[in-house]
Amino acid sequence: MSSAVRYERLGPAGGAPTARELLAGVRPGERAPGGRPFVYANVIATLDGRASLGGRTRELGGEADLEMLLELRVLADAVLIGSGTLRAEGYRRLMGSEERRGHRMAAGRAPDPLAVLLSRELALPWDAGLFAAPEQPVLVYTGVEGTAPEVAAQVEVVRLEDFSPAAALADLRGRGVRALLCEGGPRLLGSLTAGGLVDELFLTLAPLLTGEPDAPRVLEGPGLAAPLHARTEWVVRAGDELLLRYAL
């Protein structure tokens, strides 16, 4: 007796919509809960489950992964970045393209999304390119009293009595942030996921096997109380990269 399971074969590369067309129906700002922003995360992993190569994610992704990331930023009111990711990836102004800034403004958003950092001890690489852009607004949540040094970016430091991702997200919602893109890293994403604070996951599957024994996984930290099931929204192919969207 044959199995009732049926498999869907992906078609050949080519003829697919652009990243902007694919993301047109996501509308994260319209789906925000009452007490926090709608949170959608963007991550990349190798075929053997590693989330970095040589300590950096940018060594894994190709042109399609980068294009998807930049278009996900276009939809965001704010972008959440872990302090370790800021050190490793060399962030600069989040919206470097004039065309993308124009598209954001046409949709009623600020030209540059707010960069959000979590740093319990306010220990950040203040010489990073993110802080060198006068147009870039930055909000830093910390657990200690302190201020930012003199940098070109527009930096606000907020001390949280309860230093946690949940408290930061609640404050962001109070500031009018409805759509929050999380760009990691793995510990930050692990903490958000464990707290039930991630709504959608955009995962690029890189066509690589690295075998790096110490490379992080997509989620790091204490782990989840129970497995979290995901619903596949779409799978697209660009060259040898697979880009997947899941609802959590």
C-alpha atoms as a PDB file:
ATOM      1  CA  MET A   1       0.000   0.000   0.000  1.00  0.00           C
ATOM      2  CA  SER A   2       1.497   3.324  -1.024  1.00  0.00           C
ATOM      3  CA  SER A   3       1.981   6.171   1.439  1.00  0.00           C
ATOM      4  CA  ALA A   4      -0.473   9.066   1.493  1.00  0.00           C
ATOM      5  CA  VAL A   5       2.390  11.539   1.879  1.00  0.00           C
ATOM      6  CA  ARG A   6       2.950  13.694  -1.185  1.00  0.00           C
ATOM      7  CA  TYR A   7       6.020  15.789  -1.910  1.00  0.00           C
ATOM      8  CA  GLU A   8       6.236  19.084  -3.749  1.00  0.00           C
ATOM      9  CA  ARG A   9       9.279  19.550  -5.938  1.00  0.00           C
ATOM     10  CA  LEU A  10      10.735  23.055  -6.132  1.00  0.00           C
ATOM     11  CA  GLY A  11      10.989  24.367  -9.658  1.00  0.00           C
ATOM     12  CA  PRO A  12      14.264  25.450 -11.266  1.00  0.00           C
ATOM     13  CA  ALA A  13      15.827  28.781 -10.364  1.00  0.00           C
ATOM     14  CA  GLY A  14      14.664  31.776 -12.364  1.00  0.00           C
ATOM     15  CA  GLY A  15      11.375  33.508 -12.932  1.00  0.00           C
ATOM     16  CA  ALA A  16      10.760  34.111  -9.206  1.00  0.00           C
ATOM     17  CA  PRO A  17       9.513  37.433  -7.830  1.00  0.00           C
ATOM     18  CA  THR A  18      11.879  39.955  -6.257  1.00  0.00           C
ATOM     19  CA  ALA A  19      12.429  40.093  -2.511  1.00  0.00           C
ATOM     20  CA  ARG A  20      10.248  43.222  -2.320  1.00  0.00           C
ATOM     21  CA  GLU A  21       7.417  41.471  -4.143  1.00  0.00           C
ATOM     22  CA  LEU A  22       7.729  38.411  -1.922  1.00  0.00           C
ATOM     23  CA  LEU A  23       7.564  40.522   1.229  1.00  0.00           C
ATOM     24  CA  ALA A  24       4.682  42.745   0.128  1.00  0.00           C
ATOM     25  CA  GLY A  25       2.157  40.661   2.040  1.00  0.00           C
ATOM     26  CA  VAL A  26       4.077  40.415   5.316  1.00  0.00           C
ATOM     27  CA  ARG A  27       2.850  43.792   6.689  1.00  0.00           C
ATOM     28  CA  PRO A  28       4.446  43.401  10.137  1.00  0.00           C
ATOM     29  CA  GLY A  29       3.342  46.818  11.362  1.00  0.00           C
ATOM     30  CA  GLU A  30      -0.311  45.890  10.904  1.00  0.00           C
ATOM     31  CA  ARG A  31       0.065  42.727  13.008  1.00  0.00           C
ATOM     32  CA  ALA A  32       1.606  44.134  16.195  1.00  0.00           C
ATOM     33  CA  PRO A  33       0.143  42.855  19.479  1.00  0.00           C
ATOM     34  CA  GLY A  34      -1.022  45.394  22.022  1.00  0.00           C
ATOM     35  CA  GLY A  35       1.974  45.183  24.374  1.00  0.00           C
ATOM     36  CA  ARG A  36       4.936  44.752  22.039  1.00  0.00           C
ATOM     37  CA  PRO A  37       5.980  45.064  18.396  1.00  0.00           C
ATOM     38  CA  PHE A  38       5.476  42.323  15.845  1.00  0.00           C
ATOM     39  CA  VAL A  39       8.877  40.599  15.890  1.00  0.00           C
ATOM     40  CA  TYR A  40      10.298  38.923  12.812  1.00  0.00           C
ATOM     41  CA  ALA A  41      13.805  37.479  12.816  1.00  0.00           C
ATOM     42  CA  ASN A  42      16.238  36.988   9.982  1.00  0.00           C
ATOM     43  CA  VAL A  43      18.895  34.269  10.295  1.00  0.00           C
ATOM     44  CA  ILE A  44      21.149  32.122   8.157  1.00  0.00           C
ATOM     45  CA  ALA A  45      22.437  28.604   8.754  1.00  0.00           C
ATOM     46  CA  THR A  46      24.612  26.088   6.944  1.00  0.00           C
ATOM     47  CA  LEU A  47      23.471  22.620   5.960  1.00  0.00           C
ATOM     48  CA  ASP A  48      25.171  21.283   9.105  1.00  0.00           C
ATOM     49  CA  GLY A  49      23.422  23.796  11.343  1.00  0.00           C
ATOM     50  CA  ARG A  50      26.138  26.419  11.869  1.00  0.00           C
ATOM     51  CA  ALA A  51      25.127  30.074  12.094  1.00  0.00           C
ATOM     52  CA  SER A  52      28.533  31.593  11.322  1.00  0.00           C
ATOM     53  CA  LEU A  53      31.792  30.918   9.527  1.00  0.00           C
ATOM     54  CA  GLY A  54      34.946  32.247  11.087  1.00  0.00           C
ATOM     55  CA  GLY A  55      32.797  34.079  13.623  1.00  0.00           C
ATOM     56  CA  ARG A  56      30.773  36.019  11.014  1.00  0.00           C
ATOM     57  CA  THR A  57      27.457  35.404   9.297  1.00  0.00           C
ATOM     58  CA  ARG A  58      28.311  37.442   6.216  1.00  0.00           C
ATOM     59  CA  GLU A  59      30.694  34.691   5.103  1.00  0.00           C
ATOM     60  CA  LEU A  60      27.701  32.360   4.675  1.00  0.00           C
ATOM     61  CA  GLY A  61      25.214  34.362   2.641  1.00  0.00           C
ATOM     62  CA  GLY A  62      25.140  35.254  -1.017  1.00  0.00           C
ATOM     63  CA  GLU A  63      23.490  38.042  -2.955  1.00  0.00           C
ATOM     64  CA  ALA A  64      19.959  36.691  -2.442  1.00  0.00           C
ATOM     65  CA  ASP A  65      20.364  36.484   1.331  1.00  0.00           C
ATOM     66  CA  LEU A  66      21.666  40.056   1.492  1.00  0.00           C
ATOM     67  CA  GLU A  67      18.857  41.378  -0.713  1.00  0.00           C
ATOM     68  CA  MET A  68      16.257  39.705   1.498  1.00  0.00           C
ATOM     69  CA  LEU A  69      17.848  41.160   4.636  1.00  0.00           C
ATOM     70  CA  LEU A  70      17.856  44.696   3.231  1.00  0.00           C
ATOM     71  CA  GLU A  71      14.231  44.447   2.111  1.00  0.00           C
ATOM     72  CA  LEU A  72      13.223  43.101   5.529  1.00  0.00           C
ATOM     73  CA  ARG A  73      14.787  46.254   6.987  1.00  0.00           C
ATOM     74  CA  VAL A  74      12.623  48.350   4.678  1.00  0.00           C
ATOM     75  CA  LEU A  75       9.536  46.972   6.465  1.00  0.00           C
ATOM     76  CA  ALA A  76      10.861  47.615   9.979  1.00  0.00           C
ATOM     77  CA  ASP A  77      10.256  50.508  12.332  1.00  0.00           C
ATOM     78  CA  ALA A  78      13.305  49.285  14.266  1.00  0.00           C
ATOM     79  CA  VAL A  79      16.090  46.706  13.950  1.00  0.00           C
ATOM     80  CA  LEU A  80      17.263  44.791  17.023  1.00  0.00           C
ATOM     81  CA  ILE A  81      20.966  43.916  17.068  1.00  0.00           C
ATOM     82  CA  GLY A  82      22.901  41.996  19.703  1.00  0.00           C
ATOM     83  CA  SER A  83      26.079  43.613  20.998  1.00  0.00           C
ATOM     84  CA  GLY A  84      28.126  40.583  19.960  1.00  0.00           C
ATOM     85  CA  THR A  85      26.686  40.752  16.456  1.00  0.00           C
ATOM     86  CA  LEU A  86      27.515  44.459  16.292  1.00  0.00           C
ATOM     87  CA  ARG A  87      31.146  43.648  17.118  1.00  0.00           C
ATOM     88  CA  ALA A  88      31.431  40.741  14.698  1.00  0.00           C
ATOM     89  CA  GLU A  89      29.600  42.076  11.651  1.00  0.00           C
ATOM     90  CA  GLY A  90      30.801  45.679  11.351  1.00  0.00           C
ATOM     91  CA  TYR A  91      27.380  47.324  11.081  1.00  0.00           C
ATOM     92  CA  ARG A  92      26.998  50.680   9.357  1.00  0.00           C
ATOM     93  CA  ARG A  93      23.978  52.858   8.610  1.00  0.00           C
ATOM     94  CA  LEU A  94      21.084  50.414   8.352  1.00  0.00           C
ATOM     95  CA  MET A  95      19.488  51.958   5.289  1.00  0.00           C
ATOM     96  CA  GLY A  96      22.368  52.805   2.997  1.00  0.00           C
ATOM     97  CA  SER A  97      20.303  52.939  -0.202  1.00  0.00           C
ATOM     98  CA  GLU A  98      18.619  56.201  -1.173  1.00  0.00           C
ATOM     99  CA  GLU A  99      16.081  54.223  -3.195  1.00  0.00           C
ATOM    100  CA  ARG A 100      15.120  52.123  -0.164  1.00  0.00           C
ATOM    101  CA  ARG A 101      14.883  55.210   2.040  1.00  0.00           C
ATOM    102  CA  GLY A 102      12.526  56.721  -0.532  1.00  0.00           C
ATOM    103  CA  HIS A 103      10.424  53.557  -0.562  1.00  0.00           C
ATOM    104  CA  ARG A 104      10.157  53.694   3.233  1.00  0.00           C
ATOM    105  CA  MET A 105       9.051  57.319   3.186  1.00  0.00           C
ATOM    106  CA  ALA A 106       6.479  56.606   0.481  1.00  0.00           C
ATOM    107  CA  ALA A 107       5.023  53.969   2.827  1.00  0.00           C
ATOM    108  CA  GLY A 108       4.849  56.486   5.690  1.00  0.00           C
ATOM    109  CA  ARG A 109       7.944  55.300   7.573  1.00  0.00           C
ATOM    110  CA  ALA A 110      10.999  57.247   8.672  1.00  0.00           C
ATOM    111  CA  PRO A 111      13.816  57.109   6.111  1.00  0.00           C
ATOM    112  CA  ASP A 112      16.043  55.188   8.556  1.00  0.00           C
ATOM    113  CA  PRO A 113      14.818  52.473  10.925  1.00  0.00           C
ATOM    114  CA  LEU A 114      15.779  52.831  14.570  1.00  0.00           C
ATOM    115  CA  ALA A 115      18.744  50.643  15.566  1.00  0.00           C
ATOM    116  CA  VAL A 116      18.082  48.977  18.940  1.00  0.00           C
ATOM    117  CA  LEU A 117      20.866  47.496  21.064  1.00  0.00           C
ATOM    118  CA  LEU A 118      20.725  45.528  24.317  1.00  0.00           C
ATOM    119  CA  SER A 119      23.819  45.828  26.512  1.00  0.00           C
ATOM    120  CA  ARG A 120      23.475  45.059  30.199  1.00  0.00           C
ATOM    121  CA  GLU A 121      26.771  46.743  31.139  1.00  0.00           C
ATOM    122  CA  LEU A 122      26.709  49.372  28.362  1.00  0.00           C
ATOM    123  CA  ALA A 123      29.836  47.751  26.894  1.00  0.00           C
ATOM    124  CA  LEU A 124      29.577  48.493  23.186  1.00  0.00           C
ATOM    125  CA  PRO A 125      32.078  49.023  20.352  1.00  0.00           C
ATOM    126  CA  TRP A 126      31.470  52.750  20.103  1.00  0.00           C
ATOM    127  CA  ASP A 127      33.865  52.983  17.150  1.00  0.00           C
ATOM    128  CA  ALA A 128      31.552  50.769  15.026  1.00  0.00           C
ATOM    129  CA  GLY A 129      30.309  52.234  11.767  1.00  0.00           C
ATOM    130  CA  LEU A 130      26.735  52.235  13.076  1.00  0.00           C
ATOM    131  CA  PHE A 131      27.658  55.094  15.422  1.00  0.00           C
ATOM    132  CA  ALA A 132      29.486  57.043  12.708  1.00  0.00           C
ATOM    133  CA  ALA A 133      26.386  57.891  10.650  1.00  0.00           C
ATOM    134  CA  PRO A 134      24.739  61.199  11.684  1.00  0.00           C
ATOM    135  CA  GLU A 135      21.440  60.092  10.111  1.00  0.00           C
ATOM    136  CA  GLN A 136      21.219  56.846  12.106  1.00  0.00           C
ATOM    137  CA  PRO A 137      19.015  56.893  15.228  1.00  0.00           C
ATOM    138  CA  VAL A 138      20.178  54.405  17.888  1.00  0.00           C
ATOM    139  CA  LEU A 139      18.417  53.339  21.086  1.00  0.00           C
ATOM    140  CA  VAL A 140      20.493  51.453  23.669  1.00  0.00           C
ATOM    141  CA  TYR A 141      18.837  49.535  26.506  1.00  0.00           C
ATOM    142  CA  THR A 142      21.070  48.830  29.476  1.00  0.00           C
ATOM    143  CA  GLY A 143      20.880  47.732  33.088  1.00  0.00           C
ATOM    144  CA  VAL A 144      23.267  50.343  34.465  1.00  0.00           C
ATOM    145  CA  GLU A 145      23.436  54.101  34.739  1.00  0.00           C
ATOM    146  CA  GLY A 146      25.458  55.651  31.940  1.00  0.00           C
ATOM    147  CA  THR A 147      25.561  57.705  28.796  1.00  0.00           C
ATOM    148  CA  ALA A 148      26.944  57.241  25.322  1.00  0.00           C
ATOM    149  CA  PRO A 149      30.247  58.858  24.356  1.00  0.00           C
ATOM    150  CA  GLU A 150      30.305  61.575  21.723  1.00  0.00           C
ATOM    151  CA  VAL A 151      29.503  59.878  18.417  1.00  0.00           C
ATOM    152  CA  ALA A 152      27.971  61.081  15.159  1.00  0.00           C
ATOM    153  CA  ALA A 153      24.822  58.948  15.408  1.00  0.00           C
ATOM    154  CA  GLN A 154      21.730  60.049  17.327  1.00  0.00           C
ATOM    155  CA  VAL A 155      22.066  57.840  20.433  1.00  0.00           C
ATOM    156  CA  GLU A 156      19.651  57.558  23.339  1.00  0.00           C
ATOM    157  CA  VAL A 157      20.495  55.366  26.340  1.00  0.00           C
ATOM    158  CA  VAL A 158      17.666  53.927  28.437  1.00  0.00           C
ATOM    159  CA  ARG A 159      18.248  52.134  31.733  1.00  0.00           C
ATOM    160  CA  LEU A 160      15.759  49.358  32.438  1.00  0.00           C
ATOM    161  CA  GLU A 161      15.050  48.335  36.024  1.00  0.00           C
ATOM    162  CA  ASP A 162      14.070  44.952  34.597  1.00  0.00           C
ATOM    163  CA  PHE A 163      16.766  44.430  31.995  1.00  0.00           C
ATOM    164  CA  SER A 164      15.158  41.883  29.714  1.00  0.00           C
ATOM    165  CA  PRO A 165      14.081  41.582  26.082  1.00  0.00           C
ATOM    166  CA  ALA A 166      10.435  41.637  27.177  1.00  0.00           C
ATOM    167  CA  ALA A 167      10.887  44.942  29.013  1.00  0.00           C
ATOM    168  CA  ALA A 168      12.714  46.452  26.047  1.00  0.00           C
ATOM    169  CA  LEU A 169       9.968  45.354  23.642  1.00  0.00           C
ATOM    170  CA  ALA A 170       7.274  46.809  25.883  1.00  0.00           C
ATOM    171  CA  ASP A 171       9.116  50.139  25.957  1.00  0.00           C
ATOM    172  CA  LEU A 172       9.534  50.082  22.177  1.00  0.00           C
ATOM    173  CA  ARG A 173       5.799  49.530  21.721  1.00  0.00           C
ATOM    174  CA  GLY A 174       5.171  52.539  23.928  1.00  0.00           C
ATOM    175  CA  ARG A 175       7.393  54.551  21.604  1.00  0.00           C
ATOM    176  CA  GLY A 176       5.272  53.613  18.603  1.00  0.00           C
ATOM    177  CA  VAL A 177       7.459  50.786  17.247  1.00  0.00           C
ATOM    178  CA  ARG A 178       5.117  48.239  15.690  1.00  0.00           C
ATOM    179  CA  ALA A 179       7.442  46.237  13.421  1.00  0.00           C
ATOM    180  CA  LEU A 180      10.748  45.000  14.876  1.00  0.00           C
ATOM    181  CA  LEU A 181      13.286  43.078  12.823  1.00  0.00           C
ATOM    182  CA  CYS A 182      15.660  40.973  14.927  1.00  0.00           C
ATOM    183  CA  GLU A 183      19.062  40.348  13.364  1.00  0.00           C
ATOM    184  CA  GLY A 184      20.438  38.352  16.284  1.00  0.00           C
ATOM    185  CA  GLY A 185      22.792  37.011  17.335  1.00  0.00           C
ATOM    186  CA  PRO A 186      21.955  33.492  18.417  1.00  0.00           C
ATOM    187  CA  ARG A 187      21.831  34.212  22.172  1.00  0.00           C
ATOM    188  CA  LEU A 188      19.545  37.188  21.737  1.00  0.00           C
ATOM    189  CA  LEU A 189      17.298  35.243  19.379  1.00  0.00           C
ATOM    190  CA  GLY A 190      17.332  32.293  21.780  1.00  0.00           C
ATOM    191  CA  SER A 191      16.209  34.538  24.620  1.00  0.00           C
ATOM    192  CA  LEU A 192      13.453  36.131  22.541  1.00  0.00           C
ATOM    193  CA  THR A 193      12.201  32.753  21.312  1.00  0.00           C
ATOM    194  CA  ALA A 194      12.237  31.245  24.797  1.00  0.00           C
ATOM    195  CA  GLY A 195      10.107  34.154  25.952  1.00  0.00           C
ATOM    196  CA  GLY A 196       7.544  33.651  23.178  1.00  0.00           C
ATOM    197  CA  LEU A 197       8.482  36.986  21.630  1.00  0.00           C
ATOM    198  CA  VAL A 198       9.169  35.967  18.004  1.00  0.00           C
ATOM    199  CA  ASP A 199       6.295  35.880  15.533  1.00  0.00           C
ATOM    200  CA  GLU A 200       8.002  34.955  12.261  1.00  0.00           C
ATOM    201  CA  LEU A 201      11.356  33.527  11.252  1.00  0.00           C
ATOM    202  CA  PHE A 202      13.066  34.165   7.923  1.00  0.00           C
ATOM    203  CA  LEU A 203      15.737  31.506   7.494  1.00  0.00           C
ATOM    204  CA  THR A 204      18.273  31.295   4.691  1.00  0.00           C
ATOM    205  CA  LEU A 205      19.743  27.841   4.202  1.00  0.00           C
ATOM    206  CA  ALA A 206      23.277  28.312   2.895  1.00  0.00           C
ATOM    207  CA  PRO A 207      24.598  25.563   0.590  1.00  0.00           C
ATOM    208  CA  LEU A 208      27.640  24.941   2.786  1.00  0.00           C
ATOM    209  CA  LEU A 209      28.996  22.322   5.162  1.00  0.00           C
ATOM    210  CA  THR A 210      31.602  23.861   7.456  1.00  0.00           C
ATOM    211  CA  GLY A 211      31.988  21.430  10.345  1.00  0.00           C
ATOM    212  CA  GLU A 212      33.183  24.246  12.620  1.00  0.00           C
ATOM    213  CA  PRO A 213      32.937  22.640  16.072  1.00  0.00           C
ATOM    214  CA  ASP A 214      32.598  25.912  17.991  1.00  0.00           C
ATOM    215  CA  ALA A 215      30.304  27.800  15.614  1.00  0.00           C
ATOM    216  CA  PRO A 216      26.952  28.775  17.173  1.00  0.00           C
ATOM    217  CA  ARG A 217      23.591  27.425  16.126  1.00  0.00           C
ATOM    218  CA  VAL A 218      20.699  29.670  15.159  1.00  0.00           C
ATOM    219  CA  LEU A 219      19.459  29.545  18.763  1.00  0.00           C
ATOM    220  CA  GLU A 220      21.831  29.595  21.723  1.00  0.00           C
ATOM    221  CA  GLY A 221      21.280  30.040  25.434  1.00  0.00           C
ATOM    222  CA  PRO A 222      19.416  28.038  28.061  1.00  0.00           C
ATOM    223  CA  GLY A 223      17.064  26.422  25.551  1.00  0.00           C
ATOM    224  CA  LEU A 224      13.283  26.253  25.165  1.00  0.00           C
ATOM    225  CA  ALA A 225      10.884  24.826  27.716  1.00  0.00           C
ATOM    226  CA  ALA A 226       9.327  22.725  24.930  1.00  0.00           C
ATOM    227  CA  PRO A 227       9.799  22.330  21.179  1.00  0.00           C
ATOM    228  CA  LEU A 228       8.231  25.184  19.250  1.00  0.00           C
ATOM    229  CA  HIS A 229       6.343  24.219  16.130  1.00  0.00           C
ATOM    230  CA  ALA A 230       6.517  26.387  13.027  1.00  0.00           C
ATOM    231  CA  ARG A 231       4.217  26.738  10.030  1.00  0.00           C
ATOM    232  CA  THR A 232       5.824  27.109   6.619  1.00  0.00           C
ATOM    233  CA  GLU A 233       4.680  30.282   4.875  1.00  0.00           C
ATOM    234  CA  TRP A 234       6.892  29.900   1.829  1.00  0.00           C
ATOM    235  CA  VAL A 235      10.090  28.392   0.444  1.00  0.00           C
ATOM    236  CA  VAL A 236      11.902  30.080  -2.420  1.00  0.00           C
ATOM    237  CA  ARG A 237      15.104  29.287  -4.224  1.00  0.00           C
ATOM    238  CA  ALA A 238      17.726  31.710  -5.520  1.00  0.00           C
ATOM    239  CA  GLY A 239      20.644  29.894  -7.084  1.00  0.00           C
ATOM    240  CA  ASP A 240      21.640  27.283  -4.523  1.00  0.00           C
ATOM    241  CA  GLU A 241      20.290  29.231  -1.547  1.00  0.00           C
ATOM    242  CA  LEU A 242      16.928  28.331  -0.047  1.00  0.00           C
ATOM    243  CA  LEU A 243      15.021  31.116   1.685  1.00  0.00           C
ATOM    244  CA  LEU A 244      12.293  30.024   4.050  1.00  0.00           C
ATOM    245  CA  ARG A 245       9.613  31.914   5.936  1.00  0.00           C
ATOM    246  CA  TYR A 246       7.992  30.411   9.029  1.00  0.00           C
ATOM    247  CA  ALA A 247       5.241  31.540  11.374  1.00  0.00           C
ATOM    248  CA  LEU A 248       5.980  30.572  14.990  1.00  0.00           C
END
